[in-house]
């Protein structure tokens, strides 16, 4: 699916964060609990809409295998936090931080997200 957005990247100065907010797609374009991959400023990112207004973004690259597959992972929850399970080796990561649930695996990079006027934006440094 190719989406055409009439928005430009915006520096994240007002939030006190470093990086740029990149508009990715409309919130309505994302299905709940289903991953979508996006190429953002040269990075592959996996997006997950987990409820009506919450979207998480993590690296599309599986930190164990190095394959670009995380958007095809299984969304779940543990300890009242949303998780993503790698489709290859079944490692489980928290979507909000990228930390491994087991505490022993390599972390998955996570990216801040926001919804602005119905558009999902991801902050990339």
N, C-alpha and C. Protein backbone atom coordinates (compact mmCIF):
# COMPACT_ATOMS: atom_id res chain seq x y z
N UNK A 1 0.84 -1.16 0.00
CA UNK A 1 0.00 0.00 0.00
C UNK A 1 0.89 1.23 0.00
N UNK A 2 0.65 2.17 -0.89
CA UNK A 2 1.38 3.43 -0.95
C UNK A 2 0.45 4.54 -0.56
N UNK A 3 0.87 5.33 0.42
CA UNK A 3 0.05 6.43 0.89
C UNK A 3 0.71 7.75 0.52
N UNK A 4 -0.08 8.68 0.08
CA UNK A 4 0.42 10.01 -0.24
C UNK A 4 -0.04 10.96 0.85
N UNK A 5 0.89 11.54 1.58
CA UNK A 5 0.57 12.49 2.62
C UNK A 5 1.11 13.85 2.22
N UNK A 6 0.35 14.87 2.48
CA UNK A 6 0.77 16.24 2.17
C UNK A 6 1.34 16.91 3.41
N UNK A 7 2.27 16.22 4.09
CA UNK A 7 2.87 16.73 5.30
C UNK A 7 4.38 16.64 5.17
N UNK A 8 5.06 17.49 5.91
CA UNK A 8 6.52 17.48 5.91
C UNK A 8 7.03 17.09 7.29
N UNK A 9 8.25 16.52 7.35
CA UNK A 9 8.84 16.23 8.65
C UNK A 9 8.97 17.51 9.48
N UNK A 10 8.91 17.37 10.79
CA UNK A 10 8.94 18.51 11.68
C UNK A 10 9.92 18.25 12.82
N UNK A 11 10.85 19.19 13.10
CA UNK A 11 11.75 19.00 14.23
C UNK A 11 10.98 18.85 15.54
N UNK A 12 11.51 18.09 16.47
CA UNK A 12 10.82 17.79 17.73
C UNK A 12 11.24 18.72 18.86
N UNK A 13 11.50 19.96 18.56
CA UNK A 13 12.03 20.88 19.56
C UNK A 13 11.05 21.18 20.69
N UNK A 14 9.77 21.34 20.37
CA UNK A 14 8.81 21.73 21.40
C UNK A 14 8.62 20.66 22.47
N UNK A 15 8.86 19.40 22.18
CA UNK A 15 8.68 18.33 23.16
C UNK A 15 9.93 18.10 24.00
N UNK A 16 11.02 18.78 23.70
CA UNK A 16 12.26 18.56 24.42
C UNK A 16 12.97 17.30 23.98
N UNK A 17 12.55 16.70 22.88
CA UNK A 17 13.18 15.50 22.34
C UNK A 17 14.08 15.90 21.18
N UNK A 18 15.05 15.06 20.88
CA UNK A 18 15.91 15.34 19.75
C UNK A 18 15.53 14.43 18.60
N UNK A 19 15.45 14.99 17.42
CA UNK A 19 15.09 14.23 16.24
C UNK A 19 14.03 14.96 15.44
N UNK A 20 13.42 14.23 14.54
CA UNK A 20 12.41 14.79 13.65
C UNK A 20 11.19 13.89 13.65
N UNK A 21 10.00 14.51 13.72
CA UNK A 21 8.75 13.76 13.60
C UNK A 21 8.46 13.56 12.12
N UNK A 22 8.32 12.30 11.72
CA UNK A 22 8.01 11.96 10.33
C UNK A 22 6.57 11.45 10.24
N UNK A 23 5.74 12.09 9.41
CA UNK A 23 4.39 11.57 9.20
C UNK A 23 4.47 10.28 8.38
N UNK A 24 3.75 9.24 8.82
CA UNK A 24 3.85 7.93 8.18
C UNK A 24 2.58 7.55 7.44
N UNK A 25 1.47 7.61 8.12
CA UNK A 25 0.19 7.23 7.52
C UNK A 25 -0.93 7.75 8.39
N UNK A 26 -2.13 7.61 7.91
CA UNK A 26 -3.28 7.97 8.73
C UNK A 26 -3.55 6.85 9.74
N UNK A 27 -3.99 7.21 10.92
CA UNK A 27 -4.30 6.22 11.95
C UNK A 27 -5.32 5.22 11.41
N UNK A 28 -6.28 5.68 10.67
CA UNK A 28 -7.33 4.81 10.13
C UNK A 28 -6.79 3.77 9.15
N UNK A 29 -5.58 3.99 8.61
CA UNK A 29 -4.98 3.04 7.67
C UNK A 29 -4.35 1.83 8.36
N UNK A 30 -4.17 1.90 9.68
CA UNK A 30 -3.55 0.80 10.42
C UNK A 30 -4.63 -0.08 11.05
N UNK A 31 -4.50 -1.38 10.88
CA UNK A 31 -5.40 -2.33 11.53
C UNK A 31 -4.90 -2.61 12.94
N UNK A 32 -5.84 -2.83 13.87
CA UNK A 32 -5.45 -3.13 15.24
C UNK A 32 -4.74 -4.47 15.33
N UNK A 33 -3.65 -4.47 16.12
CA UNK A 33 -2.84 -5.66 16.40
C UNK A 33 -2.24 -6.29 15.15
N UNK A 34 -2.00 -5.50 14.16
CA UNK A 34 -1.38 -5.97 12.92
C UNK A 34 -0.22 -5.04 12.61
N UNK A 35 0.94 -5.58 12.30
CA UNK A 35 2.11 -4.76 12.03
C UNK A 35 2.19 -4.30 10.59
N UNK A 36 2.77 -3.12 10.41
CA UNK A 36 3.06 -2.57 9.09
C UNK A 36 4.49 -2.04 9.12
N UNK A 37 5.21 -2.25 8.05
CA UNK A 37 6.58 -1.75 7.95
C UNK A 37 6.59 -0.42 7.19
N UNK A 38 7.49 0.46 7.61
CA UNK A 38 7.65 1.76 6.95
C UNK A 38 9.14 2.08 6.85
N UNK A 39 9.52 2.74 5.79
CA UNK A 39 10.89 3.21 5.62
C UNK A 39 10.91 4.69 5.99
N UNK A 40 11.63 5.01 7.07
CA UNK A 40 11.65 6.37 7.60
C UNK A 40 13.09 6.87 7.61
N UNK A 41 13.38 7.80 6.74
CA UNK A 41 14.70 8.42 6.71
C UNK A 41 15.81 7.35 6.69
N UNK A 42 15.62 6.33 5.86
CA UNK A 42 16.61 5.27 5.72
C UNK A 42 16.52 4.14 6.73
N UNK A 43 15.56 4.20 7.66
CA UNK A 43 15.39 3.15 8.67
C UNK A 43 14.10 2.38 8.43
N UNK A 44 14.16 1.06 8.59
CA UNK A 44 12.96 0.26 8.52
C UNK A 44 12.36 0.17 9.91
N UNK A 45 11.09 0.59 10.02
CA UNK A 45 10.40 0.65 11.29
C UNK A 45 9.12 -0.17 11.19
N UNK A 46 8.78 -0.88 12.25
CA UNK A 46 7.53 -1.64 12.32
C UNK A 46 6.55 -0.88 13.20
N UNK A 47 5.34 -0.64 12.69
CA UNK A 47 4.30 0.09 13.41
C UNK A 47 3.21 -0.88 13.85
N UNK A 48 2.70 -0.67 15.06
CA UNK A 48 1.64 -1.52 15.60
C UNK A 48 0.59 -0.65 16.26
N UNK A 49 -0.62 -0.72 15.75
CA UNK A 49 -1.75 -0.05 16.38
C UNK A 49 -2.37 -1.06 17.34
N UNK A 50 -2.40 -0.73 18.63
CA UNK A 50 -2.85 -1.71 19.62
C UNK A 50 -4.25 -1.44 20.15
N UNK A 51 -4.76 -0.23 19.96
CA UNK A 51 -6.15 0.08 20.30
C UNK A 51 -6.59 1.27 19.47
N UNK A 52 -7.66 1.93 19.85
CA UNK A 52 -8.21 2.98 19.00
C UNK A 52 -7.28 4.17 18.82
N UNK A 53 -6.42 4.45 19.79
CA UNK A 53 -5.56 5.64 19.70
C UNK A 53 -4.09 5.39 19.97
N UNK A 54 -3.67 4.17 20.22
CA UNK A 54 -2.27 3.91 20.59
C UNK A 54 -1.53 3.19 19.46
N UNK A 55 -0.38 3.75 19.09
CA UNK A 55 0.49 3.15 18.07
C UNK A 55 1.90 3.11 18.63
N UNK A 56 2.55 1.97 18.47
CA UNK A 56 3.95 1.81 18.88
C UNK A 56 4.80 1.62 17.63
N UNK A 57 6.06 2.04 17.72
CA UNK A 57 7.01 1.86 16.62
C UNK A 57 8.30 1.27 17.18
N UNK A 58 8.76 0.20 16.54
CA UNK A 58 10.03 -0.44 16.90
C UNK A 58 10.80 -0.71 15.61
N UNK A 59 12.05 -1.05 15.76
CA UNK A 59 12.85 -1.42 14.60
C UNK A 59 12.24 -2.64 13.91
N UNK A 60 12.23 -2.62 12.60
CA UNK A 60 11.73 -3.76 11.83
C UNK A 60 12.77 -4.89 11.85
N UNK A 61 13.99 -4.57 12.24
CA UNK A 61 15.10 -5.53 12.26
C UNK A 61 15.08 -6.36 13.54
N UNK A 62 14.97 -7.66 13.40
CA UNK A 62 15.04 -8.58 14.53
C UNK A 62 16.46 -8.50 15.09
N UNK A 63 16.63 -8.15 16.38
CA UNK A 63 17.98 -7.98 16.92
C UNK A 63 18.78 -9.28 17.02
N UNK A 64 18.12 -10.43 17.00
CA UNK A 64 18.84 -11.71 17.11
C UNK A 64 19.28 -12.20 15.74
N UNK A 65 18.36 -12.24 14.77
CA UNK A 65 18.69 -12.78 13.45
C UNK A 65 19.22 -11.74 12.48
N UNK A 66 18.86 -10.45 12.70
CA UNK A 66 19.25 -9.40 11.78
C UNK A 66 18.30 -9.27 10.60
N UNK A 67 17.28 -10.09 10.52
CA UNK A 67 16.31 -10.05 9.42
C UNK A 67 15.27 -8.96 9.67
N UNK A 68 14.78 -8.38 8.59
CA UNK A 68 13.76 -7.33 8.67
C UNK A 68 12.37 -7.99 8.70
N UNK A 69 11.92 -8.40 9.89
CA UNK A 69 10.69 -9.20 10.00
C UNK A 69 9.76 -8.79 11.14
N UNK A 70 10.11 -7.84 11.96
CA UNK A 70 9.34 -7.60 13.18
C UNK A 70 7.90 -7.16 12.92
N UNK A 71 7.61 -6.54 11.81
CA UNK A 71 6.22 -6.16 11.51
C UNK A 71 5.33 -7.38 11.35
N UNK A 72 5.91 -8.54 11.15
CA UNK A 72 5.14 -9.79 11.02
C UNK A 72 5.07 -10.57 12.33
N UNK A 73 5.53 -9.94 13.41
CA UNK A 73 5.47 -10.58 14.72
C UNK A 73 4.07 -10.62 15.30
N UNK A 74 3.92 -11.33 16.40
CA UNK A 74 2.63 -11.48 17.06
C UNK A 74 2.50 -10.47 18.21
N UNK A 75 1.43 -9.68 18.18
CA UNK A 75 1.17 -8.72 19.25
C UNK A 75 0.48 -9.44 20.40
N UNK A 76 0.92 -9.14 21.61
CA UNK A 76 0.33 -9.73 22.80
C UNK A 76 0.48 -8.78 23.97
N UNK A 77 0.44 -9.32 25.17
CA UNK A 77 0.66 -8.49 26.35
C UNK A 77 1.22 -9.34 27.48
N UNK A 78 1.94 -8.66 28.35
CA UNK A 78 2.52 -9.31 29.53
C UNK A 78 2.68 -8.22 30.59
N UNK A 79 2.26 -8.54 31.80
CA UNK A 79 2.36 -7.57 32.91
C UNK A 79 1.69 -6.24 32.56
N UNK A 80 0.56 -6.31 31.89
CA UNK A 80 -0.24 -5.15 31.49
C UNK A 80 0.49 -4.22 30.53
N UNK A 81 1.44 -4.76 29.75
CA UNK A 81 2.15 -3.99 28.73
C UNK A 81 2.05 -4.77 27.42
N UNK A 82 1.93 -4.04 26.32
CA UNK A 82 1.86 -4.69 25.01
C UNK A 82 3.24 -5.23 24.62
N UNK A 83 3.23 -6.37 23.93
CA UNK A 83 4.47 -7.02 23.51
C UNK A 83 4.41 -7.37 22.02
N UNK A 84 5.58 -7.66 21.48
CA UNK A 84 5.71 -8.18 20.12
C UNK A 84 6.63 -9.39 20.20
N UNK A 85 6.21 -10.48 19.56
CA UNK A 85 7.01 -11.70 19.52
C UNK A 85 7.63 -11.84 18.15
N UNK A 86 8.93 -12.01 18.10
CA UNK A 86 9.63 -12.18 16.82
C UNK A 86 9.08 -13.40 16.08
N UNK A 87 8.81 -13.26 14.78
CA UNK A 87 8.30 -14.41 14.02
C UNK A 87 9.35 -15.48 13.76
N UNK A 88 10.62 -15.19 13.98
CA UNK A 88 11.67 -16.17 13.68
C UNK A 88 12.05 -17.04 14.87
N UNK A 89 12.52 -16.42 15.93
CA UNK A 89 13.02 -17.20 17.07
C UNK A 89 12.17 -17.05 18.31
N UNK A 90 11.06 -16.34 18.20
CA UNK A 90 10.05 -16.22 19.26
C UNK A 90 10.50 -15.44 20.49
N UNK A 91 11.51 -14.57 20.38
CA UNK A 91 11.83 -13.69 21.48
C UNK A 91 10.68 -12.69 21.64
N UNK A 92 10.41 -12.28 22.88
CA UNK A 92 9.31 -11.37 23.16
C UNK A 92 9.87 -10.06 23.69
N UNK A 93 9.35 -8.94 23.17
CA UNK A 93 9.82 -7.60 23.53
C UNK A 93 8.63 -6.73 23.92
N UNK A 94 8.84 -5.79 24.85
CA UNK A 94 7.82 -4.81 25.17
C UNK A 94 7.78 -3.77 24.06
N UNK A 95 6.57 -3.47 23.57
CA UNK A 95 6.44 -2.50 22.48
C UNK A 95 6.75 -1.07 22.92
N UNK A 96 6.51 -0.75 24.18
CA UNK A 96 6.73 0.63 24.62
C UNK A 96 8.20 0.99 24.81
N UNK A 97 9.05 -0.01 25.03
CA UNK A 97 10.46 0.28 25.30
C UNK A 97 11.44 -0.53 24.45
N UNK A 98 10.99 -1.64 23.87
CA UNK A 98 11.88 -2.52 23.13
C UNK A 98 12.65 -3.49 24.00
N UNK A 99 12.48 -3.40 25.31
CA UNK A 99 13.19 -4.30 26.23
C UNK A 99 12.69 -5.73 26.06
N UNK A 100 13.59 -6.69 26.17
CA UNK A 100 13.15 -8.09 26.11
C UNK A 100 12.40 -8.46 27.38
N UNK A 101 11.32 -9.19 27.23
CA UNK A 101 10.54 -9.62 28.39
C UNK A 101 11.37 -10.52 29.30
N UNK A 102 12.20 -11.37 28.68
CA UNK A 102 13.01 -12.30 29.47
C UNK A 102 14.18 -11.61 30.17
N UNK A 103 14.56 -10.44 29.71
CA UNK A 103 15.68 -9.73 30.31
C UNK A 103 17.03 -10.23 29.87
N UNK A 104 17.07 -11.28 29.02
CA UNK A 104 18.36 -11.85 28.62
C UNK A 104 18.68 -11.61 27.15
N UNK A 105 17.69 -11.26 26.35
CA UNK A 105 17.93 -11.05 24.91
C UNK A 105 18.38 -9.61 24.65
N UNK A 106 18.86 -9.38 23.45
CA UNK A 106 19.22 -8.05 23.00
C UNK A 106 17.95 -7.23 22.83
N UNK A 107 17.98 -5.96 23.22
CA UNK A 107 16.80 -5.10 23.12
C UNK A 107 16.48 -4.76 21.68
N UNK A 108 15.23 -4.47 21.45
CA UNK A 108 14.70 -4.04 20.16
C UNK A 108 14.57 -2.52 20.24
N UNK A 109 15.06 -1.81 19.25
CA UNK A 109 14.98 -0.35 19.30
C UNK A 109 13.54 0.11 19.19
N UNK A 110 13.15 1.06 20.03
CA UNK A 110 11.80 1.62 19.96
C UNK A 110 11.88 3.10 19.61
N UNK A 111 10.78 3.63 19.06
CA UNK A 111 10.72 5.02 18.63
C UNK A 111 9.46 5.66 19.20
N UNK A 112 9.54 6.91 19.68
CA UNK A 112 8.34 7.61 20.14
C UNK A 112 7.36 7.81 18.97
N UNK A 113 6.08 7.77 19.28
CA UNK A 113 5.04 8.02 18.28
C UNK A 113 4.05 9.04 18.83
N UNK A 114 3.31 9.64 17.93
CA UNK A 114 2.21 10.51 18.32
C UNK A 114 1.19 10.52 17.18
N UNK A 115 -0.02 10.94 17.52
CA UNK A 115 -1.08 11.09 16.52
C UNK A 115 -1.37 12.59 16.44
N UNK A 116 -1.21 13.15 15.25
CA UNK A 116 -1.48 14.58 15.05
C UNK A 116 -2.49 14.73 13.91
N UNK A 117 -3.67 15.22 14.24
CA UNK A 117 -4.74 15.38 13.25
C UNK A 117 -5.02 14.10 12.49
N UNK A 118 -5.00 12.99 13.22
CA UNK A 118 -5.31 11.70 12.60
C UNK A 118 -4.18 11.05 11.84
N UNK A 119 -2.98 11.66 11.89
CA UNK A 119 -1.81 11.13 11.19
C UNK A 119 -0.82 10.59 12.20
N UNK A 120 -0.33 9.37 11.96
CA UNK A 120 0.68 8.74 12.82
C UNK A 120 2.04 9.34 12.47
N UNK A 121 2.74 9.82 13.49
CA UNK A 121 4.08 10.37 13.30
C UNK A 121 5.06 9.60 14.19
N UNK A 122 6.27 9.41 13.67
CA UNK A 122 7.31 8.68 14.40
C UNK A 122 8.53 9.61 14.53
N UNK A 123 9.11 9.64 15.73
CA UNK A 123 10.29 10.46 15.97
C UNK A 123 11.54 9.64 15.70
N UNK A 124 12.36 10.13 14.78
CA UNK A 124 13.62 9.46 14.43
C UNK A 124 14.74 10.46 14.62
N UNK A 125 15.77 10.06 15.38
CA UNK A 125 16.91 10.94 15.65
C UNK A 125 17.83 11.00 14.45
